């Protein structure tokens, strides 16, 4: 008979191991959970806490656990597993939200093909600058720049110097949208930390974005009139697309199958008022056109930019249209030279009015939130908000405009914007008042974790890193193209440069008017529209040209007339 004792001992060892392993695994899991809890639990104690949604707590504690605000108050005790941050002398604010950006979206580069520069050069002035969109949708029925189906969530990338600079300025979250012309795409609300896009995204899609910038490069729409017409046509086509698909879905038998169109399908949530539409509009006439479109198609409109929103507060309030107000105030971009002409009155007025706009909107009862507006240095964000306070805006309203108000406008107030239990632990902690000149950003928490704050560096001047500097005062000689042999007309062009956007005005015999739809290409190509008065008529003219150093030359086109030309110089 075989001896079974060895087998019995083997079975006994296996049974013992099976009974011990779960206990070992459970103890390991508990240890990991305790370690993770210690890492993810913070308590900021003895701090002044500005909740925004409630009263200020002069000496309180904010407890953070697992990325959320677990407790806040004057009588909150820090648990034993919390990392303590002594907040004596510190003020805790809700994390700042930048209400309109392109953060985390890579900047596109124009495609280069062999010989393309030589081929395009003779027509560059006429075709205009081409600002490439952030992405292109495959199999789309629309041209790039007219593709509303593009999602920011699909193209964002974590990290980068811009995000680090924004965090060092106190930013914790931002609305980010693709770059483009007419229909650049749909935005996402992101936290400015995370190793993956999925970790950054708070909400997507948030809004459909629309601009009034023509496509350029000879493609339709190539003028402001064409842009308005193309927006209306696409919205009308989307309405028809919805009706045809509804008929087919009710009873497909005997009905020709409608073809899919993802560009038109992307407009349906906006037409159903399920998604707001953010229109980039600075000037009064642009804002009025956006309001007219919103009324015609019953859209939930949000104005972005809004430099002259104070001129149409009655309609904005009546239609309950909020504004994402830019803090990128116009300012002189070149040094004043003794021999230079004084700045036109319109330009001086714009500089004076910019800090007053927020106060005027608040007084009129128009909801607004602050956005950085592609400012060269994000450090100007709080500085310019303080200027708005100096020009009539209440301090509490200024703080709300960069915390709770953008969260409300963008539909994430249940998660962000105030210091309340259960909300995402995005916090901006300062030493000194947040609007004081001597403020210091001491800590920034995003998703419940402190982020490293980089020392701010001096931003590159315009013209560095491949960006052409076109700002300043230009003396133009303009030939309108009307008549047999028209004489050149001398006008002054004032340009302010904000990233790829241009603003400013013209002064002279052609009238004194602000420019609109200003765009800057990577190679110094400029394009803008402006009303001009020639003889007794006022028409909208499109200026398209190229800047090389301190020289500008190009064409001027008025619909229904021969093309004119212009040349210009800027003082060195």
Protein backbone atom coordinates (compact mmCIF):
# COMPACT_ATOMS: atom_id res chain seq x y z
CA UNK A 1 0.00 0.00 0.00
CA UNK A 2 1.30 3.45 -0.96
CA UNK A 3 2.27 5.89 1.76
CA UNK A 4 -0.21 8.85 1.51
CA UNK A 5 1.44 11.02 4.13
CA UNK A 6 3.44 13.18 1.68
CA UNK A 7 0.31 13.91 -0.35
CA UNK A 8 -1.59 14.70 2.84
CA UNK A 9 1.12 17.15 3.89
CA UNK A 10 1.02 18.81 0.46
CA UNK A 11 -2.77 19.25 0.66
CA UNK A 12 -2.43 20.66 4.17
CA UNK A 13 0.13 23.25 2.97
CA UNK A 14 -2.11 24.31 0.07
CA UNK A 15 -5.14 24.73 2.33
CA UNK A 16 -3.10 26.76 4.79
CA UNK A 17 -1.78 29.00 2.01
CA UNK A 18 -5.27 29.57 0.63
CA UNK A 19 -6.55 30.59 4.05
CA UNK A 20 -3.60 32.90 4.76
CA UNK A 21 -3.37 34.65 1.34
CA UNK A 22 -6.70 36.53 1.60
CA UNK A 23 -5.69 37.87 4.98
CA UNK A 24 -2.33 38.96 3.59
CA UNK A 25 -4.01 40.54 0.55
CA UNK A 26 -6.57 42.32 2.72
CA UNK A 27 -3.85 43.71 4.95
CA UNK A 28 -1.90 44.85 1.88
CA UNK A 29 -4.99 46.52 0.40
CA UNK A 30 -5.72 48.21 3.73
CA UNK A 31 -2.15 49.48 3.90
CA UNK A 32 -2.39 50.81 0.34
CA UNK A 33 -5.74 52.47 1.12
CA UNK A 34 -4.29 54.08 4.23
CA UNK A 35 -1.27 55.28 2.26
CA UNK A 36 -3.50 56.62 -0.52
CA UNK A 37 -5.77 58.28 2.05
CA UNK A 38 -2.76 59.97 3.63
CA UNK A 39 -1.68 61.24 0.23
CA UNK A 40 -5.14 62.40 -0.84
CA UNK A 41 -6.21 64.01 2.44
CA UNK A 42 -5.19 67.59 3.16
CA UNK A 43 -6.34 70.11 5.73
CA UNK A 44 -5.71 73.84 5.29
CA UNK A 45 -6.12 75.22 8.79
CA UNK A 46 -6.27 78.68 10.39
CA UNK A 47 -6.94 80.30 7.02
CA UNK A 48 -9.33 82.96 5.81
CA UNK A 49 -11.80 81.11 3.58
CA UNK A 50 -13.74 82.97 0.88
CA UNK A 51 -16.40 80.48 -0.19
CA UNK A 52 -18.05 82.88 -2.74
CA UNK A 53 -21.38 81.05 -2.35
CA UNK A 54 -21.62 81.92 1.34
CA UNK A 55 -20.15 84.15 4.03
CA UNK A 56 -16.42 84.59 4.47
CA UNK A 57 -14.91 82.44 7.23
CA UNK A 58 -12.25 84.57 8.88
CA UNK A 59 -10.48 81.65 10.55
CA UNK A 60 -11.41 78.22 9.29
CA UNK A 61 -10.35 74.90 7.88
CA UNK A 62 -10.84 73.35 4.45
CA UNK A 63 -10.61 69.55 4.47
CA UNK A 64 -9.82 67.78 1.19
CA UNK A 65 -10.25 64.04 0.72
CA UNK A 66 -10.16 61.95 -2.47
CA UNK A 67 -10.14 65.01 -4.69
CA UNK A 68 -13.25 66.57 -3.17
CA UNK A 69 -14.00 69.15 -0.51
CA UNK A 70 -14.92 67.00 2.49
CA UNK A 71 -15.57 69.77 5.02
CA UNK A 72 -15.26 73.53 5.42
CA UNK A 73 -15.91 75.71 8.42
CA UNK A 74 -14.62 77.40 11.52
CA UNK A 75 -15.03 74.30 13.71
CA UNK A 76 -13.67 71.60 11.41
CA UNK A 77 -11.03 69.36 13.00
CA UNK A 78 -8.28 67.91 10.86
CA UNK A 79 -8.26 64.08 10.91
CA UNK A 80 -5.17 62.17 11.93
CA UNK A 81 -4.39 61.03 8.36
CA UNK A 82 -4.46 64.53 6.87
CA UNK A 83 -1.44 66.49 5.72
CA UNK A 84 -1.70 69.81 7.54
CA UNK A 85 -1.05 73.12 5.77
CA UNK A 86 -0.94 75.99 8.24
CA UNK A 87 -3.02 78.71 6.62
CA UNK A 88 -2.15 81.49 9.02
CA UNK A 89 -1.90 84.64 6.90
CA UNK A 90 -3.34 82.86 3.86
CA UNK A 91 -6.67 83.25 2.06
CA UNK A 92 -8.36 80.30 0.37
CA UNK A 93 -10.46 81.04 -2.73
CA UNK A 94 -12.30 78.74 -5.12
CA UNK A 95 -9.98 77.80 -7.97
CA UNK A 96 -9.96 80.44 -10.70
CA UNK A 97 -11.64 79.53 -14.00
CA UNK A 98 -10.58 81.00 -17.35
CA UNK A 99 -13.85 81.16 -19.28
CA UNK A 100 -12.55 80.96 -22.87
CA UNK A 101 -9.16 79.66 -24.05
CA UNK A 102 -7.38 77.21 -26.33
CA UNK A 103 -5.27 75.79 -23.50
CA UNK A 104 -4.04 72.21 -23.96
CA UNK A 105 -4.87 72.28 -27.68
CA UNK A 106 -1.72 72.09 -29.83
CA UNK A 107 -1.21 75.04 -32.14
CA UNK A 108 -1.55 73.89 -35.74
CA UNK A 109 1.11 74.49 -38.36
CA UNK A 110 0.25 75.22 -41.98
CA UNK A 111 0.93 72.22 -44.22
CA UNK A 112 4.05 72.64 -46.33
CA UNK A 113 4.28 71.06 -49.75
CA UNK A 114 7.22 71.30 -52.15
CA UNK A 115 6.95 74.41 -54.26
CA UNK A 116 3.80 75.62 -52.53
CA UNK A 117 5.38 78.88 -51.37
CA UNK A 118 6.55 79.78 -54.83
CA UNK A 119 3.17 78.91 -56.32
CA UNK A 120 1.13 80.83 -53.74
CA UNK A 121 3.38 83.88 -53.46
CA UNK A 122 1.99 85.82 -56.45
CA UNK A 123 -1.56 85.45 -55.04
CA UNK A 124 -0.80 85.71 -51.32
CA UNK A 125 -2.03 89.30 -50.98
CA UNK A 126 -5.31 88.52 -52.68
CA UNK A 127 -6.06 85.16 -51.08
CA UNK A 128 -5.47 86.35 -47.52
CA UNK A 129 -4.01 84.63 -44.46
CA UNK A 130 -5.01 81.11 -43.70
CA UNK A 131 -5.20 80.37 -39.99
CA UNK A 132 -5.30 76.57 -39.96
CA UNK A 133 -7.91 74.98 -37.69
CA UNK A 134 -6.84 72.94 -34.69
CA UNK A 135 -8.04 69.74 -36.36
CA UNK A 136 -9.82 68.50 -39.46
CA UNK A 137 -12.71 66.08 -39.47
CA UNK A 138 -12.34 63.15 -41.89
CA UNK A 139 -15.16 62.52 -44.35
CA UNK A 140 -16.80 65.83 -43.49
CA UNK A 141 -19.12 67.54 -45.94
CA UNK A 142 -17.63 70.92 -44.97
CA UNK A 143 -14.30 72.66 -45.45
CA UNK A 144 -11.86 72.96 -42.53
CA UNK A 145 -13.01 75.91 -40.45
CA UNK A 146 -16.65 74.97 -41.06
CA UNK A 147 -16.66 71.69 -39.13
CA UNK A 148 -18.67 72.02 -35.89
CA UNK A 149 -18.29 68.30 -35.14
CA UNK A 150 -14.66 68.71 -33.98
CA UNK A 151 -14.40 68.10 -30.24
CA UNK A 152 -11.79 69.77 -28.07
CA UNK A 153 -11.84 66.64 -25.89
CA UNK A 154 -10.38 64.63 -28.79
CA UNK A 155 -7.36 66.87 -29.36
CA UNK A 156 -6.28 68.22 -25.96
CA UNK A 157 -2.83 67.30 -24.69
CA UNK A 158 -1.70 67.50 -21.05
CA UNK A 159 1.14 69.70 -19.84
CA UNK A 160 3.03 72.48 -21.51
CA UNK A 161 4.36 75.91 -20.61
CA UNK A 162 1.03 77.68 -21.11
CA UNK A 163 -0.73 75.44 -18.61
CA UNK A 164 2.11 75.83 -16.12
CA UNK A 165 1.96 79.62 -16.48
CA UNK A 166 -1.81 79.60 -16.01
CA UNK A 167 -1.53 77.54 -12.82
CA UNK A 168 1.17 79.84 -11.47
CA UNK A 169 -1.28 82.72 -12.00
CA UNK A 170 -3.89 80.90 -9.88
CA UNK A 171 -5.88 79.20 -12.66
CA UNK A 172 -7.24 75.75 -11.93
CA UNK A 173 -9.71 75.14 -14.78
CA UNK A 174 -10.52 76.55 -18.21
CA UNK A 175 -12.96 76.31 -21.04
CA UNK A 176 -10.90 75.28 -24.04
CA UNK A 177 -12.09 75.35 -27.64
CA UNK A 178 -10.50 74.43 -30.97
CA UNK A 179 -9.03 77.21 -33.07
CA UNK A 180 -10.72 77.95 -36.35
CA UNK A 181 -12.69 80.42 -38.43
CA UNK A 182 -16.47 80.06 -38.60
CA UNK A 183 -17.32 76.75 -36.89
CA UNK A 184 -14.10 75.73 -35.09
CA UNK A 185 -15.82 73.01 -33.02
CA UNK A 186 -17.09 72.21 -29.54
CA UNK A 187 -15.36 73.10 -26.29
CA UNK A 188 -14.53 71.17 -23.14
CA UNK A 189 -14.17 72.31 -19.53
CA UNK A 190 -10.84 70.98 -18.28
CA UNK A 191 -8.84 70.99 -15.09
CA UNK A 192 -5.31 72.25 -15.65
CA UNK A 193 -3.66 69.13 -14.23
CA UNK A 194 -3.61 65.47 -15.12
CA UNK A 195 -1.39 62.98 -16.88
CA UNK A 196 -3.98 62.10 -19.53
CA UNK A 197 -6.74 63.99 -21.34
CA UNK A 198 -9.28 61.83 -19.53
CA UNK A 199 -7.96 62.99 -16.16
CA UNK A 200 -8.22 66.63 -17.24
CA UNK A 201 -11.77 66.67 -18.63
CA UNK A 202 -14.50 67.90 -16.30
CA UNK A 203 -17.29 68.26 -18.89
CA UNK A 204 -17.57 67.72 -22.65
CA UNK A 205 -18.95 68.97 -24.91
CA UNK A 206 -19.79 72.28 -23.25
CA UNK A 207 -20.66 74.65 -26.09
CA UNK A 208 -20.62 75.06 -29.85
CA UNK A 209 -18.23 77.83 -30.88
CA UNK A 210 -18.74 80.25 -33.77
CA UNK A 211 -16.54 83.02 -35.18
CA UNK A 212 -16.97 85.73 -37.77
CA UNK A 213 -13.52 85.27 -39.35
CA UNK A 214 -13.56 84.49 -43.12
CA UNK A 215 -11.73 81.41 -44.33
CA UNK A 216 -9.29 83.28 -46.58
CA UNK A 217 -7.12 81.60 -49.25
CA UNK A 218 -9.81 82.30 -51.83
CA UNK A 219 -12.35 79.94 -50.25
CA UNK A 220 -15.95 80.73 -49.42
CA UNK A 221 -16.84 82.40 -47.12
CA UNK A 222 -14.17 84.98 -47.81
CA UNK A 223 -15.93 88.06 -46.41
CA UNK A 224 -17.99 88.99 -43.38
CA UNK A 225 -21.17 88.97 -45.46
CA UNK A 226 -20.27 85.48 -46.65
CA UNK A 227 -19.61 84.32 -43.09
CA UNK A 228 -23.04 85.45 -41.90
CA UNK A 229 -24.67 83.84 -44.92
CA UNK A 230 -22.82 80.55 -44.43
CA UNK A 231 -23.75 80.37 -40.73
CA UNK A 232 -27.43 80.95 -41.55
CA UNK A 233 -27.34 78.44 -44.39
CA UNK A 234 -25.76 75.71 -42.26
CA UNK A 235 -28.32 76.27 -39.51
CA UNK A 236 -31.15 76.13 -42.06
CA UNK A 237 -29.66 72.98 -43.58
CA UNK A 238 -29.42 71.44 -40.10
CA UNK A 239 -33.10 72.18 -39.48
CA UNK A 240 -33.98 70.46 -42.75
CA UNK A 241 -31.64 67.57 -41.92
CA UNK A 242 -33.47 67.09 -38.61
CA UNK A 243 -36.88 67.10 -40.31
CA UNK A 244 -35.87 64.64 -43.04
CA UNK A 245 -34.37 62.21 -40.53
CA UNK A 246 -37.43 62.46 -38.29
CA UNK A 247 -39.69 61.55 -41.23
CA UNK A 248 -37.45 58.63 -42.19
CA UNK A 249 -37.16 57.31 -38.63
CA UNK A 250 -40.94 57.31 -38.18
CA UNK A 251 -41.49 55.07 -41.19
CA UNK A 252 -38.46 54.23 -43.36
CA UNK A 253 -40.41 52.00 -45.74
CA UNK A 254 -40.88 53.70 -49.08
CA UNK A 255 -38.75 56.70 -48.10
CA UNK A 256 -35.35 57.39 -49.62
CA UNK A 257 -32.65 56.97 -46.96
CA UNK A 258 -31.10 60.35 -46.02
CA UNK A 259 -27.33 60.42 -46.11
CA UNK A 260 -25.44 61.01 -42.85
CA UNK A 261 -23.90 64.45 -42.33
CA UNK A 262 -21.94 64.78 -39.10
CA UNK A 263 -21.38 68.51 -39.60
CA UNK A 264 -25.12 69.21 -39.69
CA UNK A 265 -25.77 66.64 -36.95
CA UNK A 266 -23.35 68.53 -34.69
CA UNK A 267 -25.59 71.62 -34.94
CA UNK A 268 -28.74 69.82 -33.75
CA UNK A 269 -28.08 70.11 -29.98
CA UNK A 270 -27.66 73.87 -30.39
CA UNK A 271 -30.88 74.14 -32.41
CA UNK A 272 -32.66 72.15 -29.69
CA UNK A 273 -31.26 74.52 -27.02
CA UNK A 274 -29.52 71.55 -25.41
CA UNK A 275 -26.12 73.19 -25.92
CA UNK A 276 -25.18 76.87 -25.80
CA UNK A 277 -23.49 78.57 -28.72
CA UNK A 278 -20.48 80.80 -27.97
CA UNK A 279 -19.98 83.53 -30.58
CA UNK A 280 -16.73 85.50 -30.66
CA UNK A 281 -17.91 89.11 -31.03
CA UNK A 282 -16.07 92.23 -29.93
CA UNK A 283 -17.72 95.14 -31.76
CA UNK A 284 -21.25 96.39 -31.34
CA UNK A 285 -22.29 95.39 -34.85
CA UNK A 286 -20.86 91.88 -34.39
CA UNK A 287 -22.76 91.45 -31.12
CA UNK A 288 -25.97 92.68 -32.76
CA UNK A 289 -25.53 90.19 -35.60
CA UNK A 290 -25.01 87.39 -33.07
CA UNK A 291 -28.14 88.43 -31.17
CA UNK A 292 -30.13 88.51 -34.41
CA UNK A 293 -28.98 84.98 -35.27
CA UNK A 294 -29.87 83.75 -31.79
CA UNK A 295 -33.36 85.20 -32.04
CA UNK A 296 -33.92 83.84 -35.54
CA UNK A 297 -32.95 80.27 -34.61
CA UNK A 298 -33.89 80.34 -30.90
CA UNK A 299 -30.33 79.64 -29.73
CA UNK A 300 -28.84 79.80 -26.23
CA UNK A 301 -26.29 82.49 -27.00
CA UNK A 302 -23.13 83.38 -25.10
CA UNK A 303 -21.01 86.32 -26.30
CA UNK A 304 -17.23 85.90 -26.05
CA UNK A 305 -14.92 88.92 -26.08
CA UNK A 306 -17.57 91.61 -25.67
CA UNK A 307 -15.38 94.72 -25.83
CA UNK A 308 -18.42 96.82 -26.79
CA UNK A 309 -21.04 94.75 -24.97
CA UNK A 310 -21.79 97.77 -22.78
CA UNK A 311 -23.38 99.41 -25.82
CA UNK A 312 -26.07 96.72 -26.14
CA UNK A 313 -26.82 95.88 -22.50
CA UNK A 314 -30.59 96.31 -22.98
CA UNK A 315 -30.79 93.53 -25.57
CA UNK A 316 -28.32 91.30 -23.71
CA UNK A 317 -30.36 91.56 -20.52
CA UNK A 318 -33.71 91.14 -22.31
CA UNK A 319 -32.52 87.97 -24.07
CA UNK A 320 -30.64 86.70 -20.98
CA UNK A 321 -27.38 86.48 -22.92
CA UNK A 322 -24.22 86.28 -20.76
CA UNK A 323 -20.79 87.58 -21.79
CA UNK A 324 -17.37 85.94 -21.47
CA UNK A 325 -15.58 89.25 -21.07
CA UNK A 326 -11.96 89.51 -22.14
CA UNK A 327 -9.44 90.93 -19.68
CA UNK A 328 -6.96 91.42 -22.50
CA UNK A 329 -7.23 95.19 -22.51
CA UNK A 330 -5.96 97.14 -25.53
CA UNK A 331 -2.70 98.92 -24.92
CA UNK A 332 0.13 100.47 -26.88
CA UNK A 333 2.27 97.72 -28.38
CA UNK A 334 5.18 99.89 -29.45
CA UNK A 335 7.06 102.69 -27.76
CA UNK A 336 5.82 106.24 -28.37
CA UNK A 337 8.23 108.03 -30.69
CA UNK A 338 8.62 111.83 -30.61
CA UNK A 339 7.96 112.10 -34.37
CA UNK A 340 4.95 109.73 -34.30
CA UNK A 341 1.41 111.05 -34.68
CA UNK A 342 -0.68 111.05 -31.50
CA UNK A 343 -3.03 108.12 -31.05
CA UNK A 344 -6.48 108.70 -32.56
CA UNK A 345 -9.26 109.62 -30.16
CA UNK A 346 -11.08 106.35 -30.86
CA UNK A 347 -8.07 104.31 -29.76
CA UNK A 348 -7.66 106.36 -26.59
CA UNK A 349 -11.36 105.93 -25.88
CA UNK A 350 -11.13 102.13 -26.31
CA UNK A 351 -8.26 101.95 -23.84
CA UNK A 352 -10.20 104.02 -21.35
CA UNK A 353 -13.46 102.09 -21.77
CA UNK A 354 -12.03 98.57 -21.52
CA UNK A 355 -11.64 98.49 -17.70
CA UNK A 356 -15.10 100.07 -17.28
CA UNK A 357 -17.03 97.49 -19.30
CA UNK A 358 -17.37 94.96 -16.47
CA UNK A 359 -18.81 97.55 -14.12
CA UNK A 360 -21.29 98.70 -16.77
CA UNK A 361 -22.44 95.13 -17.41
CA UNK A 362 -22.89 94.52 -13.69
CA UNK A 363 -24.89 97.73 -13.27
CA UNK A 364 -27.11 96.77 -16.23
CA UNK A 365 -27.77 93.29 -14.81
CA UNK A 366 -25.95 91.39 -17.57
CA UNK A 367 -24.26 88.19 -16.37
CA UNK A 368 -20.58 87.95 -17.26
CA UNK A 369 -17.46 85.92 -16.54
CA UNK A 370 -13.83 86.82 -17.14
CA UNK A 371 -11.62 85.22 -19.77
CA UNK A 372 -7.94 85.84 -20.53
CA UNK A 373 -8.51 86.59 -24.23
CA UNK A 374 -5.15 85.18 -25.42
CA UNK A 375 -3.23 87.80 -23.46
CA UNK A 376 0.52 87.70 -23.93
CA UNK A 377 1.18 87.34 -20.19
CA UNK A 378 -1.38 85.49 -18.08
CA UNK A 379 0.00 87.40 -15.08
CA UNK A 380 -2.04 90.37 -16.39
CA UNK A 381 -5.28 88.48 -15.68
CA UNK A 382 -5.57 89.45 -12.00
CA UNK A 383 -3.92 92.81 -12.61
CA UNK A 384 -6.55 93.76 -15.19
CA UNK A 385 -9.36 92.42 -13.00
CA UNK A 386 -8.10 94.81 -10.32
CA UNK A 387 -8.30 97.63 -12.87
CA UNK A 388 -11.96 96.74 -13.44
CA UNK A 389 -12.50 97.13 -9.68
CA UNK A 390 -10.78 100.51 -9.77
CA UNK A 391 -13.21 101.52 -12.53
CA UNK A 392 -16.45 100.72 -10.74
CA UNK A 393 -16.83 96.93 -10.48
CA UNK A 394 -17.58 95.61 -6.99
CA UNK A 395 -14.82 93.43 -5.56
CA UNK A 396 -17.25 90.58 -4.83
CA UNK A 397 -18.53 90.70 -8.43
CA UNK A 398 -14.98 90.55 -9.77
CA UNK A 399 -14.21 87.45 -7.73
CA UNK A 400 -17.50 85.82 -8.73
CA UNK A 401 -16.70 86.56 -12.41
CA UNK A 402 -13.64 84.29 -12.24
CA UNK A 403 -15.06 81.53 -10.02
CA UNK A 404 -18.77 80.80 -9.60
CA UNK A 405 -20.14 82.84 -12.51
CA UNK A 406 -18.19 81.03 -15.26
CA UNK A 407 -19.18 77.74 -13.65
CA UNK A 408 -22.84 78.81 -13.79
CA UNK A 409 -22.67 80.05 -17.38
CA UNK A 410 -20.87 76.89 -18.55
CA UNK A 411 -23.11 74.48 -16.67
CA UNK A 412 -20.64 73.10 -14.10
CA UNK A 413 -21.68 75.02 -10.98
CA UNK A 414 -22.59 71.71 -9.33
CA UNK A 415 -18.91 70.77 -9.43
CA UNK A 416 -16.83 73.96 -9.48
CA UNK A 417 -16.86 77.63 -8.65
CA UNK A 418 -17.26 77.77 -4.87
CA UNK A 419 -15.93 76.16 -1.72
CA UNK A 420 -18.71 73.77 -0.77
CA UNK A 421 -18.78 70.20 0.53
CA UNK A 422 -18.87 67.67 -2.30
CA UNK A 423 -17.43 69.91 -5.00
CA UNK A 424 -14.12 69.27 -6.77
CA UNK A 425 -11.28 70.51 -4.59
CA UNK A 426 -9.93 73.20 -6.92
CA UNK A 427 -8.50 75.93 -4.72
CA UNK A 428 -6.38 79.04 -5.18
CA UNK A 429 -4.53 80.03 -2.00
CA UNK A 430 -2.94 83.45 -1.75
CA UNK A 431 -0.90 85.43 0.72
CA UNK A 432 -2.64 88.78 0.69
CA UNK A 433 -5.83 89.79 -1.08
CA UNK A 434 -6.15 88.25 -4.53
CA UNK A 435 -6.58 91.68 -6.16
CA UNK A 436 -3.77 93.40 -4.25
CA UNK A 437 -0.63 94.44 -6.09
CA UNK A 438 1.56 92.54 -3.62
CA UNK A 439 -0.44 89.29 -3.72
CA UNK A 440 1.42 86.02 -3.85
CA UNK A 441 -0.04 82.73 -5.13
CA UNK A 442 1.04 80.39 -2.36
CA UNK A 443 -0.73 77.13 -3.29
CA UNK A 444 -2.94 75.82 -6.06
CA UNK A 445 -4.97 72.64 -5.60
CA UNK A 446 -6.46 70.87 -8.62
CA UNK A 447 -8.57 67.75 -8.18
CA UNK A 448 -7.59 67.76 -4.53
CA UNK A 449 -3.83 67.70 -5.08
CA UNK A 450 -1.32 70.54 -4.81
CA UNK A 451 0.44 71.38 -8.07
CA UNK A 452 3.94 72.69 -8.48
CA UNK A 453 4.02 76.41 -9.23
CA UNK A 454 6.71 77.46 -11.67
CA UNK A 455 8.49 80.76 -11.24
CA UNK A 456 7.00 83.17 -13.76
CA UNK A 457 9.31 84.11 -16.59
CA UNK A 458 9.21 87.18 -18.77
CA UNK A 459 7.02 86.38 -21.79
CA UNK A 460 8.65 86.60 -25.20
CA UNK A 461 8.09 89.84 -27.02
CA UNK A 462 5.83 89.89 -30.01
CA UNK A 463 7.82 88.65 -32.91
CA UNK A 464 9.70 86.02 -30.88
CA UNK A 465 9.27 82.30 -31.44
CA UNK A 466 8.06 82.83 -34.98
CA UNK A 467 5.25 85.27 -34.09
CA UNK A 468 5.32 88.38 -36.27
CA UNK A 469 4.79 91.68 -34.49
CA UNK A 470 2.26 93.76 -36.45
CA UNK A 471 1.02 96.00 -33.64
CA UNK A 472 1.51 99.74 -33.73
CA UNK A 473 0.65 102.77 -35.85
CA UNK A 474 0.81 102.34 -39.62
CA UNK A 475 0.70 105.02 -42.32
CA UNK A 476 -1.15 103.57 -45.33
CA UNK A 477 -1.54 104.76 -48.89
CA UNK A 478 -4.82 103.25 -50.12
CA UNK A 479 -6.10 103.05 -53.70
CA UNK A 480 -9.78 102.10 -53.62
CA UNK A 481 -10.07 100.72 -57.13
CA UNK A 482 -13.01 102.98 -58.02
CA UNK A 483 -12.91 105.28 -61.07
CA UNK A 484 -10.48 105.39 -63.94
CA UNK A 485 -7.18 106.33 -62.25
CA UNK A 486 -7.91 106.89 -58.56
CA UNK A 487 -5.41 108.77 -56.45
CA UNK A 488 -4.00 107.13 -53.29
CA UNK A 489 -5.60 108.18 -50.02
CA UNK A 490 -3.51 108.54 -46.85
CA UNK A 491 -4.98 106.87 -43.74
CA UNK A 492 -3.67 105.90 -40.31
CA UNK A 493 -4.11 102.29 -39.19
CA UNK A 494 -3.84 101.46 -35.49
CA UNK A 495 -3.31 97.76 -34.78
CA UNK A 496 -3.38 95.94 -31.46
CA UNK A 497 -2.14 92.35 -31.52
CA UNK A 498 -3.53 89.67 -29.20
CA UNK A 499 -2.03 86.37 -30.23
CA UNK A 500 -3.50 85.64 -33.65
CA UNK A 501 -6.25 88.24 -33.29
CA UNK A 502 -6.01 91.83 -34.41
CA UNK A 503 -8.08 94.82 -33.31
CA UNK A 504 -7.76 98.54 -33.83
CA UNK A 505 -9.13 101.27 -36.11
CA UNK A 506 -8.49 103.44 -39.15
CA UNK A 507 -8.50 107.23 -39.26
CA UNK A 508 -8.50 109.51 -42.30
CA UNK A 509 -10.47 110.49 -45.42
CA UNK A 510 -12.02 106.98 -45.59
CA UNK A 511 -13.63 107.53 -42.19
CA UNK A 512 -12.87 106.78 -38.57
CA UNK A 513 -14.01 103.24 -37.79
CA UNK A 514 -12.91 100.20 -35.79
CA UNK A 515 -11.69 97.15 -37.66
CA UNK A 516 -13.30 93.73 -37.25
CA UNK A 517 -12.45 90.09 -37.95
CA UNK A 518 -8.74 90.86 -37.64
CA UNK A 519 -6.52 87.81 -38.10
CA UNK A 520 -2.77 87.24 -38.26
CA UNK A 521 -1.17 84.40 -40.17
CA UNK A 522 2.02 82.59 -39.22
CA UNK A 523 4.00 84.30 -42.00
CA UNK A 524 2.87 87.85 -41.23
CA UNK A 525 -0.30 87.74 -43.33
CA UNK A 526 -2.95 90.13 -42.02
CA UNK A 527 -6.63 90.37 -42.78
CA UNK A 528 -9.40 92.58 -41.42
CA UNK A 529 -12.65 94.25 -42.43
CA UNK A 530 -13.66 97.86 -41.81
CA UNK A 531 -16.36 100.26 -43.05
CA UNK A 532 -14.89 102.86 -45.43
CA UNK A 533 -16.53 105.97 -46.85
CA UNK A 534 -15.71 106.67 -50.48
CA UNK A 535 -17.43 109.71 -52.01
CA UNK A 536 -20.95 109.51 -50.50
CA UNK A 537 -21.16 105.77 -49.87
CA UNK A 538 -20.06 103.71 -46.90
CA UNK A 539 -19.19 100.10 -47.68
CA UNK A 540 -17.41 97.29 -45.90
CA UNK A 541 -13.90 96.76 -47.19
CA UNK A 542 -11.68 93.72 -46.70
CA UNK A 543 -7.98 94.49 -46.30
CA UNK A 544 -5.63 91.58 -47.01
CA UNK A 545 -1.88 91.91 -46.95
CA UNK A 546 1.51 90.83 -45.68
CA UNK A 547 3.81 92.46 -43.14
CA UNK A 548 7.56 92.31 -43.63
CA UNK A 549 9.41 94.15 -40.91
CA UNK A 550 7.95 97.66 -40.86
CA UNK A 551 6.38 97.43 -44.31
CA UNK A 552 2.87 96.30 -45.18
CA UNK A 553 1.35 95.83 -48.61
CA UNK A 554 -1.72 94.13 -49.99
CA UNK A 555 -5.17 94.53 -51.55
CA UNK A 556 -8.46 96.13 -50.52
CA UNK A 557 -11.70 94.62 -51.78
CA UNK A 558 -15.16 96.20 -51.71
CA UNK A 559 -17.96 93.93 -52.91
CA UNK A 560 -19.05 94.88 -56.41
CA UNK A 561 -15.97 96.96 -57.17
CA UNK A 562 -12.56 96.32 -58.73
CA UNK A 563 -9.86 95.36 -56.28
CA UNK A 564 -7.79 98.20 -54.81
CA UNK A 565 -4.37 98.12 -53.18
CA UNK A 566 -2.49 99.58 -50.25
CA UNK A 567 1.04 100.01 -48.99
CA UNK A 568 2.10 101.09 -45.53
CA UNK A 569 5.01 101.77 -43.22
CA UNK A 570 5.48 101.78 -39.47
CA UNK A 571 7.98 103.99 -37.60
CA UNK A 572 11.07 102.03 -36.57
